[in-house]
């Protein structure tokens, strides 16, 4: 089977600059030496390669020699050097050439100043430190140093504070031209990228008070097993279902994407299936093993979750993974697909199973609620609600889960809209391997993995139990 090979983006990052320069052609097709203006768009991460944007009346050829001079940000003096054109891309209508060049002559002092700029505006430095610190998230905010989230807590790094133009340079260095254009048009953008062999990042770009800011989520590219993630064994059985709906719910940052990736990986190793994933952005990369895994990114490969979901029904799928049930059309199509004989695995933002069902139905007009609950009751196979809670050492987190299975009792409760009775169904559903969040957290406490303070913080039932025994 075809293997998707991750690209080591770390080596390809450059510093986005937009620095004005003056250049003079020394060889090539122009006979007269004229000093002209252009722009340095990017500087390579090693500092010896640059990308230029030039307007020239005549064609620009490879191996053209140029003398250039420019002034770096925060440096009052000019830098001068000699370059050779390595590649050229022309836009004839605009008389614009994009060209890559390498320095053939530059003095040591100028080279050191370029190196200092790269070190200050190197996204690699920030990403590497985040990986070493085992951060889950990175925030680049104007007038603050980069901020890492480690085990749920924010930590301000000792790096310099970032100016608005610093953030533009840092963030644009990770992006393709099409992504930059899309962000500048919409002022928001989600995308993912493979940083190195073991790590991916998910980026959200947005504006705040007119300035670009960014949140990055670190994703370990390695697939973890159910046992490593401590996902309940019953979730494996849910992955083996032929049809129906499996919901993975929880707040942001609770590991929903990682759980779904483990389910896809299990299907991929056990069954000959066509698995279609709809994601925004793609986070974990799946190679084709026993299954064909087609990963479609909303915003890149398709416009919307709902449109992609409808289209996927015509692509001979066995399993459809929906990264976000975020609108009525997507929910309706997911329910229809689950009823029609496909296994649908979907993520939904909700703090627990009861609120997940209530919120999902609540997205529809009141007169449609009973019908939606009836459809959900017909096709639901299981709902996993999860949290990531700190271990006793406070340096790592562990997955706590509430699990409800689509038993006849569960289906009846959902169909009748008597959701308040669901906790009783879960508590008495041991034969179906159901468990409450209290069960999961209490087990970790008994095993010495978490402390009592954490149990009290994350389990309302545990707090009530402590009050009762006093």
Foldseek 3Di string as FASTA:
>chain_A
DDFDAADQCQQVFWFAAFFKKWKWWPDDDDPDTDIDIWTFGTAGLLRFKTKIKDQDPDDDDFQTKMWMWTAGPPGDDIFIFMKTWHDWDDDVVRSIIITMIGTPTGDPVSSVVSNVVSVLLPLSVVVVVQVVLVFFKWKQDAQFAIWTQFLNDIDGDPRHGDHLVSQVRNVCSSDDPVQVVVCVVVQWAWEKGDNRNFKIKIKIWHDDPRGIMIMIGIDTQDQDECVVQVPDPVVLVLLVDQFFEEEEEAAPPFCSVNSVSNSVVSCQVPHAWEEEEEEAADGHDDTRHNYHYHYHYDVPRHPDLLVVLVVVVVVRGREYEYEEPDADSNLVSQLVRRVVGHYYYYYYYDHDDLVRLVVNLVRDPPVCSLVSLLSNLVGHAKYKYWGWFAWAVSRGTHIQIFMDGSDVVNSVCSNVVVSVCVVVCQVPVVVSVGHGSLVRLVVCCVVRGHDPVRSVVSDVVSVVVVVVVD
